[in-house]
Amino acid sequence: MPDELVNISSQFKGLPMSDLIGGPLTAACDSQIKLAQATANFIRAVGFLPPTDPNNTDPNAVGDTRTALFRFKRPVDNLDPATKDTQPFAEEEVELEVPLLAIVKVPNLSIYTVDVNFEMEVKSSFTSKESQDYSASMQSEMKFGWGLFSAKVNLQGSVASHKENTRTSDNSAKYTVAVHAEDKGMPEGLARVLDILQTAAAPRKVGAPVPVPA
């Protein structure tokens, strides 16, 4: 019966496709802005000291570059003629000041792909079984003939019918949003800045060489 079946095409009418597809894309764009802001906040908080002027209310104001100071001793040749023969080696104390951003991992997580998958399946089936669910019985007796040639006949019968209606339908939908985020590494601009800073990070002498035993 076609009239009893679910209209398949009507099931797809009125679907908010702009929300189903545009919603995840808009959310991914907003998330990308937040991820970029998180990277900028990390650089501002970790890479720079607070402003030296306490009255500066600019939220983007920063102070000097935050650095890490390393101090160590390294062996050198003893250039003192008085002790060079007996103590040919000496050691000097040096220090190395390195920008903190050059030795820590700068987070740079960004959304790589956004996959929106929408599947909708509509199933409809109708089954109708009809029969007369009615039961009746009849019994009769007849006698014919006469005298020695007489006989009796019994008649018995029944009628049964059955009526059954069965209808089944199934509607299902599947909506999947997959977002892939990936760390693409340090931005090119930040990498160039750190390369320039690293060229200035050279050990400097903080004390005269001290002769040491051979």
N, C-alpha and C. Protein backbone atom coordinates (compact mmCIF):
# COMPACT_ATOMS: atom_id res chain seq x y z
N MET A 1 0.83 -1.19 0.00
CA MET A 1 0.00 0.00 0.00
C MET A 1 0.87 1.24 0.00
N PRO A 2 1.00 1.96 -1.09
CA PRO A 2 1.88 3.13 -1.14
C PRO A 2 1.48 4.21 -0.16
N ASP A 3 0.18 4.36 0.11
CA ASP A 3 -0.26 5.42 1.01
C ASP A 3 0.19 5.17 2.43
N GLU A 4 0.44 3.91 2.78
CA GLU A 4 0.82 3.59 4.14
C GLU A 4 2.33 3.75 4.38
N LEU A 5 3.13 3.82 3.31
CA LEU A 5 4.57 3.91 3.47
C LEU A 5 4.97 5.32 3.86
N VAL A 6 6.09 5.42 4.58
CA VAL A 6 6.63 6.72 4.98
C VAL A 6 7.21 7.41 3.75
N ASN A 7 6.89 8.67 3.59
CA ASN A 7 7.43 9.45 2.48
C ASN A 7 8.91 9.72 2.74
N ILE A 8 9.78 9.05 1.98
CA ILE A 8 11.21 9.14 2.22
C ILE A 8 11.72 10.55 2.01
N SER A 9 11.29 11.21 0.95
CA SER A 9 11.80 12.55 0.65
C SER A 9 11.41 13.56 1.71
N SER A 10 10.27 13.37 2.34
CA SER A 10 9.84 14.33 3.36
C SER A 10 10.70 14.28 4.60
N GLN A 11 11.42 13.16 4.80
CA GLN A 11 12.27 13.05 5.98
C GLN A 11 13.48 13.97 5.92
N PHE A 12 13.88 14.38 4.70
CA PHE A 12 15.07 15.22 4.53
C PHE A 12 14.72 16.70 4.41
N LYS A 13 13.45 17.03 4.41
CA LYS A 13 13.05 18.42 4.32
C LYS A 13 13.18 19.10 5.68
N GLY A 14 13.66 20.33 5.67
CA GLY A 14 13.77 21.09 6.91
C GLY A 14 15.02 20.82 7.70
N LEU A 15 15.95 20.02 7.18
CA LEU A 15 17.19 19.78 7.92
C LEU A 15 18.04 21.05 7.94
N PRO A 16 18.56 21.45 9.09
CA PRO A 16 19.39 22.68 9.16
C PRO A 16 20.79 22.40 8.66
N MET A 17 20.95 22.27 7.35
CA MET A 17 22.25 21.94 6.79
C MET A 17 23.29 23.02 7.06
N SER A 18 22.85 24.29 7.09
CA SER A 18 23.80 25.37 7.37
C SER A 18 24.38 25.24 8.77
N ASP A 19 23.57 24.78 9.72
CA ASP A 19 24.08 24.57 11.08
C ASP A 19 24.89 23.28 11.18
N LEU A 20 24.45 22.25 10.49
CA LEU A 20 25.14 20.97 10.57
C LEU A 20 26.54 21.06 9.98
N ILE A 21 26.69 21.83 8.91
CA ILE A 21 27.99 21.95 8.25
C ILE A 21 28.73 23.19 8.71
N GLY A 22 28.03 24.33 8.78
CA GLY A 22 28.70 25.58 9.15
C GLY A 22 29.03 25.67 10.62
N GLY A 23 28.25 25.00 11.47
CA GLY A 23 28.52 25.06 12.92
C GLY A 23 29.90 24.55 13.28
N PRO A 24 30.28 23.33 12.86
CA PRO A 24 31.63 22.85 13.19
C PRO A 24 32.74 23.71 12.58
N LEU A 25 32.51 24.25 11.38
CA LEU A 25 33.54 25.10 10.77
C LEU A 25 33.72 26.40 11.54
N THR A 26 32.61 26.97 11.99
CA THR A 26 32.70 28.20 12.78
C THR A 26 33.39 27.92 14.12
N ALA A 27 33.06 26.79 14.73
CA ALA A 27 33.72 26.43 15.99
C ALA A 27 35.21 26.19 15.79
N ALA A 28 35.59 25.60 14.65
CA ALA A 28 37.01 25.39 14.36
C ALA A 28 37.73 26.72 14.18
N CYS A 29 37.06 27.68 13.53
CA CYS A 29 37.68 29.00 13.35
C CYS A 29 37.88 29.69 14.70
N ASP A 30 36.86 29.62 15.56
CA ASP A 30 36.99 30.22 16.89
C ASP A 30 38.10 29.54 17.70
N SER A 31 38.19 28.22 17.56
CA SER A 31 39.24 27.50 18.28
C SER A 31 40.62 27.88 17.78
N GLN A 32 40.74 28.12 16.46
CA GLN A 32 42.03 28.51 15.90
C GLN A 32 42.47 29.87 16.45
N ILE A 33 41.51 30.78 16.62
CA ILE A 33 41.83 32.09 17.20
C ILE A 33 42.31 31.93 18.64
N LYS A 34 41.66 31.06 19.41
CA LYS A 34 42.07 30.83 20.79
C LYS A 34 43.45 30.18 20.86
N LEU A 35 43.74 29.28 19.93
CA LEU A 35 45.05 28.63 19.93
C LEU A 35 46.15 29.64 19.61
N ALA A 36 45.89 30.54 18.65
CA ALA A 36 46.88 31.57 18.34
C ALA A 36 47.07 32.53 19.51
N GLN A 37 45.98 32.85 20.19
CA GLN A 37 46.07 33.72 21.35
C GLN A 37 46.85 33.05 22.47
N ALA A 38 46.68 31.73 22.62
CA ALA A 38 47.44 31.00 23.64
C ALA A 38 48.93 31.04 23.35
N THR A 39 49.32 30.94 22.07
CA THR A 39 50.73 31.04 21.72
C THR A 39 51.28 32.43 22.03
N ALA A 40 50.49 33.47 21.68
CA ALA A 40 50.92 34.84 21.95
C ALA A 40 51.06 35.09 23.46
N ASN A 41 50.12 34.58 24.25
CA ASN A 41 50.20 34.75 25.70
C ASN A 41 51.41 34.03 26.29
N PHE A 42 51.72 32.86 25.73
CA PHE A 42 52.89 32.12 26.22
C PHE A 42 54.17 32.90 25.94
N ILE A 43 54.29 33.45 24.73
CA ILE A 43 55.49 34.22 24.39
C ILE A 43 55.60 35.45 25.28
N ARG A 44 54.47 36.11 25.53
CA ARG A 44 54.50 37.33 26.35
C ARG A 44 54.85 37.00 27.80
N ALA A 45 54.31 35.91 28.33
CA ALA A 45 54.53 35.58 29.74
C ALA A 45 55.89 34.94 29.99
N VAL A 46 56.33 34.08 29.08
CA VAL A 46 57.57 33.35 29.28
C VAL A 46 58.77 34.09 28.69
N GLY A 47 58.57 34.76 27.58
CA GLY A 47 59.70 35.38 26.89
C GLY A 47 60.07 36.76 27.37
N PHE A 48 59.21 37.44 28.12
CA PHE A 48 59.49 38.82 28.52
C PHE A 48 59.21 39.02 30.00
N LEU A 49 59.94 39.95 30.57
CA LEU A 49 59.72 40.36 31.95
C LEU A 49 58.57 41.36 32.00
N PRO A 50 57.98 41.55 33.18
CA PRO A 50 56.92 42.56 33.30
C PRO A 50 57.47 43.96 33.02
N PRO A 51 56.62 44.89 32.66
CA PRO A 51 57.08 46.27 32.41
C PRO A 51 57.73 46.86 33.65
N THR A 52 58.77 47.63 33.43
CA THR A 52 59.48 48.27 34.55
C THR A 52 58.68 49.43 35.14
N ASP A 53 57.81 50.02 34.34
CA ASP A 53 56.99 51.13 34.82
C ASP A 53 55.72 50.56 35.46
N PRO A 54 55.57 50.71 36.76
CA PRO A 54 54.37 50.16 37.41
C PRO A 54 53.10 50.88 37.03
N ASN A 55 53.21 52.09 36.50
CA ASN A 55 52.02 52.85 36.12
C ASN A 55 51.56 52.56 34.70
N ASN A 56 52.26 51.69 34.02
CA ASN A 56 51.88 51.35 32.64
C ASN A 56 50.70 50.39 32.67
N THR A 57 49.58 50.83 32.13
CA THR A 57 48.35 50.01 32.14
C THR A 57 48.10 49.34 30.80
N ASP A 58 49.03 49.44 29.88
CA ASP A 58 48.84 48.79 28.57
C ASP A 58 48.93 47.27 28.75
N PRO A 59 47.87 46.52 28.40
CA PRO A 59 47.92 45.06 28.61
C PRO A 59 48.96 44.37 27.74
N ASN A 60 49.36 45.01 26.65
CA ASN A 60 50.35 44.40 25.75
C ASN A 60 51.78 44.87 26.04
N ALA A 61 51.95 45.67 27.05
CA ALA A 61 53.30 46.18 27.37
C ALA A 61 54.13 45.08 28.01
N VAL A 62 55.39 45.02 27.61
CA VAL A 62 56.32 44.03 28.16
C VAL A 62 57.62 44.73 28.53
N GLY A 63 58.40 44.05 29.32
CA GLY A 63 59.70 44.59 29.72
C GLY A 63 60.82 43.98 28.90
N ASP A 64 61.96 43.79 29.53
CA ASP A 64 63.11 43.21 28.85
C ASP A 64 62.89 41.73 28.56
N THR A 65 63.74 41.23 27.68
CA THR A 65 63.66 39.81 27.35
C THR A 65 64.08 38.96 28.54
N ARG A 66 63.29 37.95 28.82
CA ARG A 66 63.60 37.05 29.93
C ARG A 66 64.71 36.08 29.48
N THR A 67 65.74 35.99 30.26
CA THR A 67 66.89 35.15 29.90
C THR A 67 67.22 34.18 31.02
N ALA A 68 67.98 33.18 30.65
CA ALA A 68 68.49 32.20 31.61
C ALA A 68 70.01 32.33 31.63
N LEU A 69 70.57 32.46 32.82
CA LEU A 69 72.01 32.67 33.00
C LEU A 69 72.68 31.37 33.39
N PHE A 70 73.67 30.98 32.62
CA PHE A 70 74.46 29.79 32.91
C PHE A 70 75.90 30.23 33.20
N ARG A 71 76.47 29.75 34.29
CA ARG A 71 77.84 30.07 34.66
C ARG A 71 78.59 28.76 34.85
N PHE A 72 79.76 28.67 34.23
CA PHE A 72 80.52 27.42 34.29
C PHE A 72 81.99 27.75 34.05
N LYS A 73 82.83 26.72 34.27
CA LYS A 73 84.28 26.84 34.05
C LYS A 73 84.67 25.98 32.86
N ARG A 74 85.62 26.50 32.08
CA ARG A 74 86.08 25.76 30.92
C ARG A 74 87.61 25.79 30.88
N PRO A 75 88.22 24.73 30.37
CA PRO A 75 89.70 24.67 30.32
C PRO A 75 90.25 25.53 29.17
N VAL A 76 91.38 26.18 29.46
CA VAL A 76 92.08 26.97 28.46
C VAL A 76 93.59 26.74 28.65
N ASP A 77 94.33 27.21 27.68
CA ASP A 77 95.80 27.13 27.80
C ASP A 77 96.31 28.18 28.79
N ASN A 78 97.28 27.80 29.57
CA ASN A 78 97.89 28.70 30.54
C ASN A 78 98.90 29.59 29.80
N LEU A 79 98.58 30.85 29.74
CA LEU A 79 99.45 31.80 29.03
C LEU A 79 100.40 32.55 29.96
N ASP A 80 100.40 32.20 31.21
CA ASP A 80 101.29 32.86 32.16
C ASP A 80 102.70 32.25 32.04
N PRO A 81 103.69 33.04 31.61
CA PRO A 81 105.04 32.46 31.43
C PRO A 81 105.63 31.92 32.72
N ALA A 82 105.25 32.45 33.84
CA ALA A 82 105.85 32.01 35.10
C ALA A 82 105.41 30.60 35.48
N THR A 83 104.20 30.24 35.14
CA THR A 83 103.67 28.92 35.54
C THR A 83 103.34 28.03 34.35
N LYS A 84 103.64 28.49 33.15
CA LYS A 84 103.24 27.73 31.97
C LYS A 84 103.95 26.40 31.89
N ASP A 85 105.23 26.37 32.27
CA ASP A 85 105.98 25.13 32.15
C ASP A 85 105.48 24.07 33.12
N THR A 86 105.19 24.46 34.35
CA THR A 86 104.74 23.48 35.35
C THR A 86 103.23 23.24 35.29
N GLN A 87 102.49 24.21 34.89
CA GLN A 87 101.03 24.10 34.82
C GLN A 87 100.56 24.61 33.44
N PRO A 88 100.62 23.75 32.45
CA PRO A 88 100.29 24.20 31.09
C PRO A 88 98.80 24.47 30.88
N PHE A 89 97.97 24.01 31.78
CA PHE A 89 96.53 24.18 31.62
C PHE A 89 96.00 25.14 32.68
N ALA A 90 94.94 25.81 32.29
CA ALA A 90 94.25 26.72 33.21
C ALA A 90 92.75 26.62 32.96
N GLU A 91 91.98 27.19 33.82
CA GLU A 91 90.52 27.21 33.64
C GLU A 91 90.02 28.61 33.93
N GLU A 92 89.03 28.98 33.18
CA GLU A 92 88.45 30.30 33.36
C GLU A 92 86.94 30.16 33.57
N GLU A 93 86.40 31.07 34.32
CA GLU A 93 84.96 31.07 34.60
C GLU A 93 84.27 31.98 33.60
N VAL A 94 83.24 31.45 32.98
CA VAL A 94 82.48 32.21 31.98
C VAL A 94 81.00 32.08 32.31
N GLU A 95 80.23 32.95 31.74
CA GLU A 95 78.78 32.89 31.89
C GLU A 95 78.13 33.06 30.52
N LEU A 96 76.95 32.45 30.39
CA LEU A 96 76.21 32.45 29.12
C LEU A 96 74.77 32.84 29.42
N GLU A 97 74.33 33.90 28.81
CA GLU A 97 72.97 34.39 29.01
C GLU A 97 72.17 34.09 27.74
N VAL A 98 71.15 33.22 27.89
CA VAL A 98 70.39 32.73 26.74
C VAL A 98 68.93 33.17 26.89
N PRO A 99 68.31 33.69 25.82
CA PRO A 99 66.87 34.00 25.88
C PRO A 99 66.07 32.75 26.22
N LEU A 100 65.12 32.91 27.11
CA LEU A 100 64.37 31.75 27.59
C LEU A 100 63.55 31.10 26.47
N LEU A 101 63.08 31.91 25.53
CA LEU A 101 62.30 31.34 24.43
C LEU A 101 63.13 30.44 23.54
N ALA A 102 64.46 30.60 23.59
CA ALA A 102 65.33 29.78 22.75
C ALA A 102 65.55 28.38 23.31
N ILE A 103 65.20 28.15 24.56
CA ILE A 103 65.47 26.85 25.17
C ILE A 103 64.21 26.16 25.65
N VAL A 104 63.02 26.73 25.38
CA VAL A 104 61.77 26.09 25.77
C VAL A 104 60.94 25.85 24.51
N LYS A 105 60.00 24.97 24.61
CA LYS A 105 59.12 24.65 23.51
C LYS A 105 57.97 25.64 23.48
N VAL A 106 57.86 26.35 22.36
CA VAL A 106 56.76 27.31 22.20
C VAL A 106 55.57 26.56 21.62
N PRO A 107 54.44 26.50 22.33
CA PRO A 107 53.27 25.78 21.79
C PRO A 107 52.72 26.49 20.57
N ASN A 108 52.49 25.73 19.54
CA ASN A 108 51.92 26.29 18.31
C ASN A 108 50.98 25.27 17.70
N LEU A 109 49.94 24.94 18.45
CA LEU A 109 48.96 23.96 18.00
C LEU A 109 47.93 24.65 17.12
N SER A 110 47.67 24.07 15.97
CA SER A 110 46.71 24.65 15.03
C SER A 110 45.85 23.54 14.45
N ILE A 111 44.64 23.92 14.05
CA ILE A 111 43.71 22.95 13.46
C ILE A 111 44.14 22.67 12.03
N TYR A 112 44.32 21.41 11.73
CA TYR A 112 44.82 21.00 10.43
C TYR A 112 43.68 20.70 9.47
N THR A 113 42.75 19.87 9.87
CA THR A 113 41.60 19.54 9.02
C THR A 113 40.35 19.43 9.88
N VAL A 114 39.22 19.65 9.26
CA VAL A 114 37.90 19.48 9.88
C VAL A 114 37.05 18.65 8.94
N ASP A 115 36.63 17.49 9.40
CA ASP A 115 35.78 16.60 8.60
C ASP A 115 34.39 16.55 9.21
N VAL A 116 33.39 16.85 8.39
CA VAL A 116 32.00 16.82 8.82
C VAL A 116 31.31 15.72 8.01
N ASN A 117 30.84 14.71 8.69
CA ASN A 117 30.16 13.59 8.04
C ASN A 117 28.73 13.50 8.56
N PHE A 118 27.78 13.52 7.64
CA PHE A 118 26.36 13.43 8.01
C PHE A 118 25.73 12.31 7.21
N GLU A 119 25.20 11.35 7.91
CA GLU A 119 24.53 10.22 7.27
C GLU A 119 23.14 10.07 7.87
N MET A 120 22.16 9.95 7.00
CA MET A 120 20.78 9.76 7.46
C MET A 120 20.16 8.64 6.66
N GLU A 121 19.61 7.68 7.33
CA GLU A 121 19.01 6.52 6.69
C GLU A 121 17.57 6.38 7.16
N VAL A 122 16.68 6.27 6.22
CA VAL A 122 15.26 6.13 6.51
C VAL A 122 14.78 4.82 5.91
N LYS A 123 14.22 3.99 6.73
CA LYS A 123 13.67 2.72 6.27
C LYS A 123 12.19 2.68 6.62
N SER A 124 11.39 2.21 5.70
CA SER A 124 9.97 2.10 5.96
C SER A 124 9.44 0.87 5.23
N SER A 125 8.69 0.08 5.93
CA SER A 125 8.07 -1.10 5.32
C SER A 125 6.69 -1.30 5.92
N PHE A 126 5.80 -1.83 5.11
CA PHE A 126 4.42 -2.04 5.56
C PHE A 126 3.97 -3.41 5.10
N THR A 127 3.45 -4.18 6.00
CA THR A 127 2.97 -5.52 5.69
C THR A 127 1.55 -5.66 6.22
N SER A 128 0.67 -6.12 5.37
CA SER A 128 -0.72 -6.27 5.76
C SER A 128 -1.19 -7.69 5.44
N LYS A 129 -1.72 -8.35 6.42
CA LYS A 129 -2.28 -9.69 6.25
C LYS A 129 -3.73 -9.66 6.70
N GLU A 130 -4.60 -10.07 5.82
CA GLU A 130 -6.02 -10.04 6.15
C GLU A 130 -6.66 -11.39 5.85
N SER A 131 -7.51 -11.81 6.75
CA SER A 131 -8.34 -13.00 6.55
C SER A 131 -9.52 -12.89 7.50
N GLN A 132 -10.58 -13.54 7.18
CA GLN A 132 -11.79 -13.47 8.00
C GLN A 132 -11.61 -14.34 9.23
N ASP A 133 -11.44 -13.67 10.36
CA ASP A 133 -11.27 -14.39 11.61
C ASP A 133 -12.65 -14.68 12.18
N TYR A 134 -13.31 -15.64 11.60
CA TYR A 134 -14.67 -15.97 11.96
C TYR A 134 -14.79 -17.47 12.00
N SER A 135 -15.48 -17.95 13.00
CA SER A 135 -15.63 -19.40 13.15
C SER A 135 -17.10 -19.72 13.37
N ALA A 136 -17.61 -20.69 12.64
CA ALA A 136 -19.00 -21.15 12.77
C ALA A 136 -19.07 -22.64 12.45
N SER A 137 -20.01 -23.30 13.05
CA SER A 137 -20.18 -24.75 12.81
C SER A 137 -21.65 -25.06 12.58
N MET A 138 -21.91 -26.09 11.86
CA MET A 138 -23.29 -26.49 11.54
C MET A 138 -23.37 -28.02 11.56
N GLN A 139 -24.43 -28.50 12.07
CA GLN A 139 -24.66 -29.95 12.13
C GLN A 139 -26.13 -30.23 11.85
N SER A 140 -26.40 -31.19 11.00
CA SER A 140 -27.81 -31.55 10.67
C SER A 140 -27.90 -33.06 10.45
N GLU A 141 -29.09 -33.55 10.53
CA GLU A 141 -29.35 -34.98 10.35
C GLU A 141 -30.52 -35.15 9.40
N MET A 142 -30.34 -36.00 8.47
CA MET A 142 -31.39 -36.24 7.49
C MET A 142 -31.72 -37.75 7.46
N LYS A 143 -32.96 -38.02 7.19
CA LYS A 143 -33.42 -39.41 7.09
C LYS A 143 -34.20 -39.54 5.80
N PHE A 144 -33.86 -40.56 5.06
CA PHE A 144 -34.61 -40.75 3.81
C PHE A 144 -34.85 -42.26 3.64
N GLY A 145 -35.73 -42.55 2.78
CA GLY A 145 -36.13 -43.95 2.54
C GLY A 145 -37.33 -44.34 3.42
N TRP A 146 -37.75 -45.56 3.21
CA TRP A 146 -38.86 -46.05 4.00
C TRP A 146 -38.74 -47.55 4.15
N GLY A 147 -39.31 -48.01 5.15
CA GLY A 147 -39.31 -49.44 5.42
C GLY A 147 -37.92 -49.94 5.67
N LEU A 148 -37.62 -51.06 4.99
CA LEU A 148 -36.29 -51.64 5.16
C LEU A 148 -35.21 -50.82 4.47
N PHE A 149 -35.62 -49.93 3.58
CA PHE A 149 -34.64 -49.16 2.83
C PHE A 149 -34.59 -47.72 3.33
N SER A 150 -34.36 -47.54 4.59
CA SER A 150 -34.24 -46.19 5.16
C SER A 150 -32.82 -46.00 5.71
N ALA A 151 -32.33 -44.71 5.75
CA ALA A 151 -30.98 -44.41 6.26
C ALA A 151 -30.96 -43.00 6.84
N LYS A 152 -29.98 -42.78 7.71
CA LYS A 152 -29.78 -41.47 8.33
C LYS A 152 -28.42 -40.90 7.87
N VAL A 153 -28.38 -39.62 7.60
CA VAL A 153 -27.15 -38.92 7.18
C VAL A 153 -26.92 -37.73 8.09
N ASN A 154 -25.72 -37.68 8.70
CA ASN A 154 -25.33 -36.53 9.54
C ASN A 154 -24.41 -35.60 8.73
N LEU A 155 -24.71 -34.29 8.75
CA LEU A 155 -23.91 -33.27 8.08
C LEU A 155 -23.32 -32.33 9.13
N GLN A 156 -21.98 -32.08 9.05
CA GLN A 156 -21.29 -31.22 10.01
C GLN A 156 -20.20 -30.42 9.27
N GLY A 157 -20.10 -29.10 9.55
CA GLY A 157 -19.09 -28.26 8.89
C GLY A 157 -18.75 -27.06 9.77
N SER A 158 -17.62 -26.40 9.44
CA SER A 158 -17.18 -25.22 10.18
C SER A 158 -16.45 -24.27 9.22
N VAL A 159 -16.51 -22.97 9.55
CA VAL A 159 -15.87 -21.91 8.77
C VAL A 159 -15.02 -21.07 9.72
N ALA A 160 -13.73 -20.78 9.35
CA ALA A 160 -12.83 -19.98 10.20
C ALA A 160 -12.10 -18.96 9.32
N SER A 161 -11.87 -17.79 9.88
CA SER A 161 -11.13 -16.74 9.18
C SER A 161 -10.26 -15.98 10.19
N HIS A 162 -9.21 -15.29 9.67
CA HIS A 162 -8.27 -14.56 10.52
C HIS A 162 -7.86 -13.27 9.83
N LYS A 163 -7.77 -12.18 10.57
CA LYS A 163 -7.36 -10.88 10.03
C LYS A 163 -6.22 -10.32 10.87
N GLU A 164 -5.12 -9.88 10.20
CA GLU A 164 -3.93 -9.40 10.90
C GLU A 164 -3.31 -8.24 10.12
N ASN A 165 -2.95 -7.17 10.82
CA ASN A 165 -2.28 -6.01 10.23
C ASN A 165 -0.93 -5.82 10.93
N THR A 166 0.14 -5.70 10.17
CA THR A 166 1.48 -5.51 10.71
C THR A 166 2.16 -4.37 9.97
N ARG A 167 2.72 -3.41 10.72
CA ARG A 167 3.44 -2.29 10.11
C ARG A 167 4.74 -2.05 10.87
N THR A 168 5.84 -1.92 10.15
CA THR A 168 7.14 -1.68 10.74
C THR A 168 7.81 -0.51 10.04
N SER A 169 8.53 0.33 10.79
CA SER A 169 9.28 1.45 10.22
C SER A 169 10.53 1.68 11.07
N ASP A 170 11.58 2.20 10.45
CA ASP A 170 12.85 2.42 11.13
C ASP A 170 13.47 3.70 10.59
N ASN A 171 13.80 4.64 11.47
CA ASN A 171 14.46 5.88 11.10
C ASN A 171 15.74 6.00 11.92
N SER A 172 16.86 6.33 11.29
CA SER A 172 18.12 6.44 11.98
C SER A 172 18.95 7.56 11.35
N ALA A 173 19.78 8.20 12.16
CA ALA A 173 20.65 9.29 11.69
C ALA A 173 22.00 9.19 12.40
N LYS A 174 23.06 9.60 11.70
CA LYS A 174 24.41 9.57 12.25
C LYS A 174 25.11 10.87 11.87
N TYR A 175 25.66 11.55 12.87
CA TYR A 175 26.30 12.85 12.65
C TYR A 175 27.67 12.81 13.30
N THR A 176 28.72 12.98 12.54
CA THR A 176 30.09 12.86 13.03
C THR A 176 30.89 14.08 12.63
N VAL A 177 31.62 14.65 13.59
CA VAL A 177 32.52 15.77 13.33
C VAL A 177 33.90 15.36 13.84
N ALA A 178 34.89 15.35 12.96
CA ALA A 178 36.27 14.98 13.31
C ALA A 178 37.17 16.18 13.09
N VAL A 179 37.87 16.60 14.13
CA VAL A 179 38.78 17.73 14.07
C VAL A 179 40.20 17.22 14.33
N HIS A 180 41.12 17.52 13.42
CA HIS A 180 42.51 17.09 13.56
C HIS A 180 43.37 18.34 13.81
N ALA A 181 44.04 18.35 14.95
CA ALA A 181 44.94 19.44 15.31
C ALA A 181 46.37 18.94 15.28
N GLU A 182 47.28 19.79 14.84
CA GLU A 182 48.67 19.37 14.68
C GLU A 182 49.58 20.55 14.99
N ASP A 183 50.71 20.23 15.61
CA ASP A 183 51.72 21.24 15.91
C ASP A 183 52.66 21.34 14.71
N LYS A 184 52.57 22.42 13.98
CA LYS A 184 53.36 22.60 12.76
C LYS A 184 54.75 23.14 13.05
N GLY A 185 55.09 23.29 14.29
CA GLY A 185 56.41 23.81 14.62
C GLY A 185 56.39 25.32 14.80
N MET A 186 57.56 25.85 15.02
CA MET A 186 57.71 27.27 15.29
C MET A 186 57.43 28.10 14.03
N PRO A 187 56.70 29.21 14.16
CA PRO A 187 56.49 30.07 13.00
C PRO A 187 57.82 30.61 12.47
N GLU A 188 57.86 30.90 11.19
CA GLU A 188 59.11 31.33 10.56
C GLU A 188 59.62 32.63 11.15
N GLY A 189 58.71 33.56 11.43
CA GLY A 189 59.13 34.84 12.01
C GLY A 189 59.78 34.68 13.36
N LEU A 190 59.16 33.85 14.23
CA LEU A 190 59.73 33.62 15.55
C LEU A 190 61.07 32.89 15.45
N ALA A 191 61.18 31.96 14.51
CA ALA A 191 62.44 31.24 14.34
C ALA A 191 63.57 32.19 13.93
N ARG A 192 63.27 33.15 13.08
CA ARG A 192 64.31 34.11 12.66
C ARG A 192 64.74 34.99 13.83
N VAL A 193 63.76 35.41 14.65
CA VAL A 193 64.10 36.24 15.80
C VAL A 193 64.99 35.47 16.77
N LEU A 194 64.63 34.22 17.03
CA LEU A 194 65.44 33.42 17.96
C LEU A 194 66.82 33.15 17.40
N ASP A 195 66.93 32.99 16.09
CA ASP A 195 68.26 32.80 15.50
C ASP A 195 69.15 34.03 15.73
N ILE A 196 68.55 35.20 15.61
CA ILE A 196 69.31 36.43 15.85
C ILE A 196 69.72 36.53 17.31
N LEU A 197 68.80 36.16 18.21
CA LEU A 197 69.13 36.21 19.64
C LEU A 197 70.22 35.21 20.00
N GLN A 198 70.18 34.06 19.37
CA GLN A 198 71.18 33.03 19.70
C GLN A 198 72.58 33.43 19.24
N THR A 199 72.68 34.24 18.19
CA THR A 199 74.00 34.69 17.77
C THR A 199 74.66 35.57 18.82
N ALA A 200 73.84 36.24 19.62
CA ALA A 200 74.40 37.08 20.68
C ALA A 200 74.65 36.31 21.96
N ALA A 201 74.20 35.06 22.00
CA ALA A 201 74.39 34.25 23.21
C ALA A 201 75.73 33.54 23.14
N ALA A 202 76.78 34.28 23.46
CA ALA A 202 78.14 33.72 23.45
C ALA A 202 78.72 33.83 24.86
N PRO A 203 79.55 32.86 25.26
CA PRO A 203 80.15 32.92 26.60
C PRO A 203 81.04 34.15 26.74
N ARG A 204 80.98 34.77 27.89
CA ARG A 204 81.86 35.91 28.18
C ARG A 204 82.63 35.63 29.47
N LYS A 205 83.85 36.11 29.50
CA LYS A 205 84.74 35.82 30.61
C LYS A 205 84.36 36.68 31.82
N VAL A 206 84.27 36.05 32.96
CA VAL A 206 83.94 36.78 34.18
C VAL A 206 85.10 36.72 35.19
N GLY A 207 86.18 36.02 34.87
CA GLY A 207 87.32 35.93 35.78
C GLY A 207 88.58 35.57 35.00
N ALA A 208 89.72 35.88 35.57
CA ALA A 208 91.00 35.57 34.91
C ALA A 208 91.25 34.07 34.98
N PRO A 209 91.97 33.54 33.99
CA PRO A 209 92.29 32.10 34.03
C PRO A 209 93.13 31.76 35.26
N VAL A 210 92.83 30.62 35.83
CA VAL A 210 93.54 30.14 37.03
C VAL A 210 94.29 28.87 36.65
N PRO A 211 95.61 28.85 36.85
CA PRO A 211 96.37 27.63 36.51
C PRO A 211 95.93 26.45 37.35
N VAL A 212 95.93 25.30 36.72
CA VAL A 212 95.55 24.05 37.40
C VAL A 212 96.66 23.05 37.16
N PRO A 213 96.84 22.08 38.07
CA PRO A 213 97.88 21.07 37.87
C PRO A 213 97.64 20.28 36.60
N ALA A 214 98.67 19.81 36.02
CA ALA A 214 98.58 19.03 34.78
C ALA A 214 97.83 17.74 35.07
